[in-house]
Amino acid sequence: MKYLIEHKHKTDAIFRVENKDRYDDRDVVIANFIDSYYRLILFGQKHLNDLFVLDGILNINARDQILREIISNTLAHRDYSSGYPAKMIIDDEKI
């Protein structure tokens, strides 16, 4: 765990909706594990709508729960021995 906090790794966050050959917005995150997590969450919140979802009678924040799961899995299961950056791509059909 100490390795993940002290070392910086590169992660590309890309938003691609208007032009599929290029990106509409991009954030190159070069940070440790924890800072990368928060920057990727903010990037996802910026570009994804917060849908109204009911769980019984409670309104839940589905966008943030989905982002938390995707980003934590992306960062936890990436190949840290490789120099290639992990990517989170948001397009009009999927994340």
N, C-alpha and C. Protein backbone atom coordinates (compact mmCIF):
# COMPACT_ATOMS: atom_id res chain seq x y z
N MET A 1 0.82 -1.19 0.00
CA MET A 1 0.00 0.00 0.00
C MET A 1 0.87 1.25 0.00
N LYS A 2 2.00 1.19 0.67
CA LYS A 2 2.90 2.34 0.72
C LYS A 2 3.35 2.73 -0.68
N TYR A 3 3.57 1.74 -1.54
CA TYR A 3 3.98 1.99 -2.92
C TYR A 3 2.94 2.81 -3.67
N LEU A 4 1.66 2.50 -3.46
CA LEU A 4 0.58 3.19 -4.17
C LEU A 4 0.43 4.63 -3.72
N ILE A 5 0.77 4.93 -2.48
CA ILE A 5 0.62 6.29 -1.97
C ILE A 5 1.82 7.15 -2.32
N GLU A 6 3.02 6.58 -2.32
CA GLU A 6 4.22 7.37 -2.56
C GLU A 6 4.54 7.57 -4.03
N HIS A 7 4.20 6.62 -4.89
CA HIS A 7 4.56 6.71 -6.30
C HIS A 7 3.41 7.27 -7.13
N LYS A 8 3.79 8.00 -8.17
CA LYS A 8 2.78 8.58 -9.06
C LYS A 8 2.67 7.74 -10.32
N HIS A 9 1.43 7.58 -10.77
CA HIS A 9 1.15 6.83 -11.99
C HIS A 9 0.25 7.67 -12.88
N LYS A 10 0.30 7.38 -14.17
CA LYS A 10 -0.46 8.16 -15.15
C LYS A 10 -1.77 7.45 -15.49
N THR A 11 -2.84 8.22 -15.47
CA THR A 11 -4.16 7.74 -15.87
C THR A 11 -4.79 8.78 -16.78
N ASP A 12 -5.29 8.36 -17.92
CA ASP A 12 -5.97 9.26 -18.85
C ASP A 12 -7.48 9.19 -18.63
N ALA A 13 -8.09 10.35 -18.43
CA ALA A 13 -9.55 10.45 -18.37
C ALA A 13 -9.98 11.17 -19.64
N ILE A 14 -10.80 10.51 -20.46
CA ILE A 14 -11.16 11.05 -21.77
C ILE A 14 -12.68 11.09 -21.90
N PHE A 15 -13.20 12.24 -22.34
CA PHE A 15 -14.62 12.41 -22.63
C PHE A 15 -14.74 12.58 -24.13
N ARG A 16 -15.45 11.64 -24.79
CA ARG A 16 -15.53 11.62 -26.25
C ARG A 16 -16.98 11.38 -26.67
N VAL A 17 -17.68 12.47 -27.08
CA VAL A 17 -19.07 12.34 -27.51
C VAL A 17 -19.28 12.97 -28.87
N GLU A 18 -18.87 14.21 -29.05
CA GLU A 18 -19.11 14.93 -30.30
C GLU A 18 -18.31 14.36 -31.46
N ASN A 19 -17.01 14.21 -31.29
CA ASN A 19 -16.12 13.76 -32.34
C ASN A 19 -15.45 12.47 -31.87
N LYS A 20 -15.75 11.36 -32.52
CA LYS A 20 -15.23 10.06 -32.10
C LYS A 20 -13.74 9.88 -32.38
N ASP A 21 -13.19 10.68 -33.31
CA ASP A 21 -11.77 10.56 -33.64
C ASP A 21 -10.88 11.34 -32.68
N ARG A 22 -11.47 12.31 -32.00
CA ARG A 22 -10.73 13.13 -31.04
C ARG A 22 -11.49 13.11 -29.72
N TYR A 23 -10.98 13.82 -28.76
CA TYR A 23 -11.68 13.90 -27.48
C TYR A 23 -12.25 15.29 -27.28
N ASP A 24 -13.37 15.37 -26.55
CA ASP A 24 -13.99 16.64 -26.23
C ASP A 24 -13.38 17.25 -24.97
N ASP A 25 -12.94 16.41 -24.06
CA ASP A 25 -12.26 16.86 -22.85
C ASP A 25 -11.33 15.75 -22.40
N ARG A 26 -10.22 16.14 -21.81
CA ARG A 26 -9.24 15.16 -21.36
C ARG A 26 -8.55 15.67 -20.11
N ASP A 27 -8.29 14.78 -19.19
CA ASP A 27 -7.51 15.10 -18.00
C ASP A 27 -6.45 14.02 -17.85
N VAL A 28 -5.20 14.43 -17.93
CA VAL A 28 -4.10 13.50 -17.72
C VAL A 28 -3.73 13.57 -16.24
N VAL A 29 -4.05 12.52 -15.54
CA VAL A 29 -3.84 12.48 -14.10
C VAL A 29 -2.52 11.78 -13.82
N ILE A 30 -1.58 12.53 -13.28
CA ILE A 30 -0.31 11.95 -12.85
C ILE A 30 -0.23 12.21 -11.35
N ALA A 31 -0.61 11.21 -10.59
CA ALA A 31 -0.71 11.37 -9.15
C ALA A 31 -0.65 10.00 -8.48
N ASN A 32 -0.65 10.02 -7.16
CA ASN A 32 -0.68 8.75 -6.43
C ASN A 32 -2.08 8.17 -6.49
N PHE A 33 -2.24 7.00 -5.90
CA PHE A 33 -3.50 6.25 -5.98
C PHE A 33 -4.69 7.05 -5.45
N ILE A 34 -4.53 7.67 -4.32
CA ILE A 34 -5.65 8.37 -3.68
C ILE A 34 -6.01 9.65 -4.42
N ASP A 35 -5.02 10.44 -4.80
CA ASP A 35 -5.30 11.67 -5.55
C ASP A 35 -5.88 11.35 -6.92
N SER A 36 -5.41 10.28 -7.54
CA SER A 36 -5.97 9.86 -8.84
C SER A 36 -7.44 9.52 -8.70
N TYR A 37 -7.79 8.82 -7.64
CA TYR A 37 -9.18 8.44 -7.41
C TYR A 37 -10.08 9.68 -7.36
N TYR A 38 -9.69 10.67 -6.58
CA TYR A 38 -10.53 11.86 -6.43
C TYR A 38 -10.61 12.68 -7.71
N ARG A 39 -9.51 12.79 -8.44
CA ARG A 39 -9.56 13.54 -9.71
C ARG A 39 -10.42 12.85 -10.74
N LEU A 40 -10.37 11.52 -10.80
CA LEU A 40 -11.21 10.78 -11.75
C LEU A 40 -12.68 10.86 -11.36
N ILE A 41 -12.99 10.84 -10.08
CA ILE A 41 -14.37 11.02 -9.62
C ILE A 41 -14.89 12.39 -10.06
N LEU A 42 -14.10 13.44 -9.87
CA LEU A 42 -14.53 14.79 -10.27
C LEU A 42 -14.72 14.88 -11.78
N PHE A 43 -13.85 14.23 -12.55
CA PHE A 43 -13.99 14.23 -14.01
C PHE A 43 -15.28 13.54 -14.42
N GLY A 44 -15.58 12.41 -13.81
CA GLY A 44 -16.82 11.70 -14.13
C GLY A 44 -18.05 12.48 -13.74
N GLN A 45 -18.02 13.14 -12.59
CA GLN A 45 -19.16 13.95 -12.15
C GLN A 45 -19.38 15.14 -13.08
N LYS A 46 -18.30 15.65 -13.63
CA LYS A 46 -18.40 16.79 -14.55
C LYS A 46 -19.13 16.41 -15.84
N HIS A 47 -18.94 15.19 -16.32
CA HIS A 47 -19.44 14.82 -17.64
C HIS A 47 -20.63 13.86 -17.65
N LEU A 48 -21.03 13.37 -16.50
CA LEU A 48 -22.16 12.44 -16.45
C LEU A 48 -23.33 13.06 -15.70
N ASN A 49 -24.53 12.84 -16.19
CA ASN A 49 -25.73 13.33 -15.52
C ASN A 49 -26.00 12.51 -14.27
N ASP A 50 -26.54 13.18 -13.27
CA ASP A 50 -26.94 12.50 -12.04
C ASP A 50 -28.41 12.12 -12.18
N LEU A 51 -28.66 10.85 -12.49
CA LEU A 51 -30.01 10.38 -12.74
C LEU A 51 -30.81 10.24 -11.45
N PHE A 52 -32.10 10.40 -11.57
CA PHE A 52 -33.01 10.21 -10.44
C PHE A 52 -33.33 8.72 -10.33
N VAL A 53 -32.88 8.10 -9.24
CA VAL A 53 -33.08 6.67 -9.03
C VAL A 53 -33.64 6.47 -7.62
N LEU A 54 -34.72 5.71 -7.53
CA LEU A 54 -35.31 5.41 -6.23
C LEU A 54 -34.95 4.00 -5.80
N ASP A 55 -34.59 3.87 -4.53
CA ASP A 55 -34.40 2.57 -3.89
C ASP A 55 -35.45 2.49 -2.78
N GLY A 56 -36.58 1.92 -3.11
CA GLY A 56 -37.72 1.98 -2.19
C GLY A 56 -38.29 3.38 -2.21
N ILE A 57 -38.15 4.09 -1.10
CA ILE A 57 -38.61 5.49 -1.05
C ILE A 57 -37.44 6.47 -0.98
N LEU A 58 -36.21 5.96 -1.03
CA LEU A 58 -35.03 6.81 -0.93
C LEU A 58 -34.45 7.10 -2.30
N ASN A 59 -34.07 8.35 -2.51
CA ASN A 59 -33.36 8.74 -3.72
C ASN A 59 -31.88 8.42 -3.53
N ILE A 60 -31.32 7.60 -4.41
CA ILE A 60 -29.90 7.26 -4.30
C ILE A 60 -29.12 7.92 -5.44
N ASN A 61 -27.86 8.13 -5.21
CA ASN A 61 -26.99 8.75 -6.20
C ASN A 61 -26.32 7.64 -7.01
N ALA A 62 -26.97 7.20 -8.07
CA ALA A 62 -26.47 6.08 -8.87
C ALA A 62 -25.17 6.45 -9.59
N ARG A 63 -25.07 7.68 -10.08
CA ARG A 63 -23.87 8.10 -10.81
C ARG A 63 -22.62 7.94 -9.95
N ASP A 64 -22.66 8.42 -8.71
CA ASP A 64 -21.48 8.35 -7.86
C ASP A 64 -21.16 6.91 -7.45
N GLN A 65 -22.17 6.08 -7.26
CA GLN A 65 -21.91 4.68 -6.93
C GLN A 65 -21.28 3.94 -8.11
N ILE A 66 -21.75 4.23 -9.31
CA ILE A 66 -21.18 3.60 -10.50
C ILE A 66 -19.75 4.07 -10.72
N LEU A 67 -19.52 5.38 -10.59
CA LEU A 67 -18.16 5.92 -10.75
C LEU A 67 -17.21 5.33 -9.72
N ARG A 68 -17.66 5.26 -8.48
CA ARG A 68 -16.80 4.72 -7.42
C ARG A 68 -16.37 3.29 -7.75
N GLU A 69 -17.29 2.47 -8.23
CA GLU A 69 -16.98 1.08 -8.56
C GLU A 69 -16.03 0.98 -9.75
N ILE A 70 -16.31 1.72 -10.81
CA ILE A 70 -15.48 1.66 -12.01
C ILE A 70 -14.07 2.17 -11.74
N ILE A 71 -13.97 3.32 -11.07
CA ILE A 71 -12.66 3.93 -10.85
C ILE A 71 -11.84 3.13 -9.85
N SER A 72 -12.44 2.65 -8.79
CA SER A 72 -11.67 1.86 -7.83
C SER A 72 -11.17 0.56 -8.47
N ASN A 73 -11.98 -0.08 -9.31
CA ASN A 73 -11.53 -1.29 -10.00
C ASN A 73 -10.44 -0.98 -11.02
N THR A 74 -10.58 0.13 -11.74
CA THR A 74 -9.56 0.52 -12.72
C THR A 74 -8.22 0.75 -12.04
N LEU A 75 -8.22 1.46 -10.94
CA LEU A 75 -6.96 1.76 -10.25
C LEU A 75 -6.40 0.54 -9.52
N ALA A 76 -7.26 -0.28 -8.96
CA ALA A 76 -6.78 -1.43 -8.19
C ALA A 76 -6.23 -2.54 -9.08
N HIS A 77 -6.81 -2.71 -10.26
CA HIS A 77 -6.43 -3.85 -11.11
C HIS A 77 -5.58 -3.47 -12.32
N ARG A 78 -5.09 -2.25 -12.36
CA ARG A 78 -4.23 -1.87 -13.48
C ARG A 78 -2.87 -2.55 -13.33
N ASP A 79 -2.11 -2.58 -14.40
CA ASP A 79 -0.79 -3.20 -14.39
C ASP A 79 0.23 -2.13 -13.99
N TYR A 80 0.64 -2.13 -12.73
CA TYR A 80 1.58 -1.13 -12.23
C TYR A 80 3.00 -1.40 -12.69
N SER A 81 3.29 -2.59 -13.19
CA SER A 81 4.63 -2.89 -13.67
C SER A 81 4.86 -2.35 -15.08
N SER A 82 3.79 -1.96 -15.75
CA SER A 82 3.87 -1.46 -17.11
C SER A 82 3.91 0.07 -17.11
N GLY A 83 4.51 0.64 -18.10
CA GLY A 83 4.55 2.09 -18.23
C GLY A 83 3.34 2.68 -18.92
N TYR A 84 2.43 1.82 -19.38
CA TYR A 84 1.25 2.30 -20.09
C TYR A 84 0.23 2.89 -19.12
N PRO A 85 -0.38 4.00 -19.50
CA PRO A 85 -1.38 4.60 -18.60
C PRO A 85 -2.70 3.83 -18.63
N ALA A 86 -3.38 3.82 -17.50
CA ALA A 86 -4.75 3.31 -17.47
C ALA A 86 -5.64 4.37 -18.10
N LYS A 87 -6.78 3.97 -18.66
CA LYS A 87 -7.67 4.92 -19.31
C LYS A 87 -9.09 4.76 -18.81
N MET A 88 -9.73 5.90 -18.58
CA MET A 88 -11.17 5.92 -18.33
C MET A 88 -11.77 6.76 -19.45
N ILE A 89 -12.54 6.12 -20.32
CA ILE A 89 -13.12 6.80 -21.48
C ILE A 89 -14.64 6.86 -21.31
N ILE A 90 -15.17 8.06 -21.36
CA ILE A 90 -16.61 8.27 -21.30
C ILE A 90 -17.06 8.66 -22.70
N ASP A 91 -17.95 7.85 -23.30
CA ASP A 91 -18.51 8.23 -24.59
C ASP A 91 -20.03 8.21 -24.48
N ASP A 92 -20.73 8.33 -25.60
CA ASP A 92 -22.18 8.46 -25.54
C ASP A 92 -22.90 7.15 -25.21
N GLU A 93 -22.20 6.02 -25.20
CA GLU A 93 -22.83 4.74 -24.94
C GLU A 93 -22.35 4.06 -23.66
N LYS A 94 -21.13 4.35 -23.23
CA LYS A 94 -20.58 3.60 -22.10
C LYS A 94 -19.45 4.37 -21.43
N ILE A 95 -19.01 3.81 -20.30
CA ILE A 95 -17.83 4.32 -19.59
C ILE A 95 -16.76 3.26 -19.70
